[in-house]
Amino acid sequence: MGFIGIICVIIMTVTLISIEIKTKRLIQEQAETNRKLEQLLRKERLQTRQEEHDDGSY
């Protein structure tokens, strides 16, 4: 493998590491978004149940 081959391998390695880091970041952001949505959904369900209970209807 010549000098150009080594440079290509280094560039590909850096590119793959960059993609992996970005992917992990996106996964973490998606997980955080999912947690927030889950909290909002729980809050809304509790609020709906409370309103139903207050209205006397089930």
Protein backbone atom coordinates (compact mmCIF):
# COMPACT_ATOMS: atom_id res chain seq x y z
CA MET A 1 0.00 0.00 0.00
CA GLY A 2 1.45 3.29 -1.03
CA PHE A 3 1.34 6.70 0.52
CA ILE A 4 -1.96 7.56 -1.21
CA GLY A 5 -3.50 4.33 0.06
CA ILE A 6 -2.54 5.17 3.64
CA ILE A 7 -4.00 8.67 3.27
CA CYS A 8 -7.25 7.17 1.91
CA VAL A 9 -7.49 4.76 4.86
CA ILE A 10 -6.94 7.64 7.31
CA ILE A 11 -9.60 9.76 5.59
CA MET A 12 -12.10 6.87 5.58
CA THR A 13 -11.39 6.14 9.26
CA VAL A 14 -11.91 9.78 10.26
CA THR A 15 -15.11 9.89 8.19
CA LEU A 16 -16.49 6.74 9.84
CA ILE A 17 -15.66 8.03 13.32
CA SER A 18 -17.39 11.32 12.50
CA ILE A 19 -20.48 9.49 11.25
CA GLU A 20 -20.52 7.33 14.38
CA ILE A 21 -20.30 10.36 16.67
CA LYS A 22 -23.10 12.15 14.80
CA THR A 23 -25.25 9.01 14.89
CA LYS A 24 -24.76 8.61 18.64
CA ARG A 25 -25.66 12.27 19.16
CA LEU A 26 -28.83 11.88 17.09
CA ILE A 27 -29.80 8.75 19.04
CA GLN A 28 -29.31 10.62 22.33
CA GLU A 29 -31.37 13.58 21.09
CA GLN A 30 -34.13 11.22 19.93
CA ALA A 31 -34.13 9.44 23.29
CA GLU A 32 -34.45 12.79 25.09
CA THR A 33 -37.31 13.81 22.80
CA ASN A 34 -39.03 10.49 23.46
CA ARG A 35 -38.69 10.98 27.22
CA LYS A 36 -40.21 14.47 26.98
CA LEU A 37 -43.09 13.21 24.85
CA GLU A 38 -43.68 10.35 27.29
CA GLN A 39 -43.85 12.84 30.18
CA LEU A 40 -46.30 15.05 28.29
CA LEU A 41 -48.45 12.06 27.42
CA ARG A 42 -48.53 10.89 31.04
CA LYS A 43 -49.42 14.40 32.20
CA GLU A 44 -52.20 14.64 29.61
CA ARG A 45 -53.58 11.23 30.58
CA LEU A 46 -53.62 12.19 34.25
CA GLN A 47 -55.31 15.48 33.42
CA THR A 48 -57.92 13.71 31.28
CA ARG A 49 -58.64 11.19 34.04
CA GLN A 50 -58.95 13.99 36.58
CA GLU A 51 -61.37 15.89 34.32
CA GLU A 52 -63.43 12.74 33.77
CA HIS A 53 -63.51 12.13 37.48
CA ASP A 54 -64.52 15.73 38.19
CA ASP A 55 -67.32 15.48 35.59
CA GLY A 56 -68.57 12.25 37.14
CA SER A 57 -68.33 10.43 33.80
CA TYR A 58 -66.10 7.45 33.08
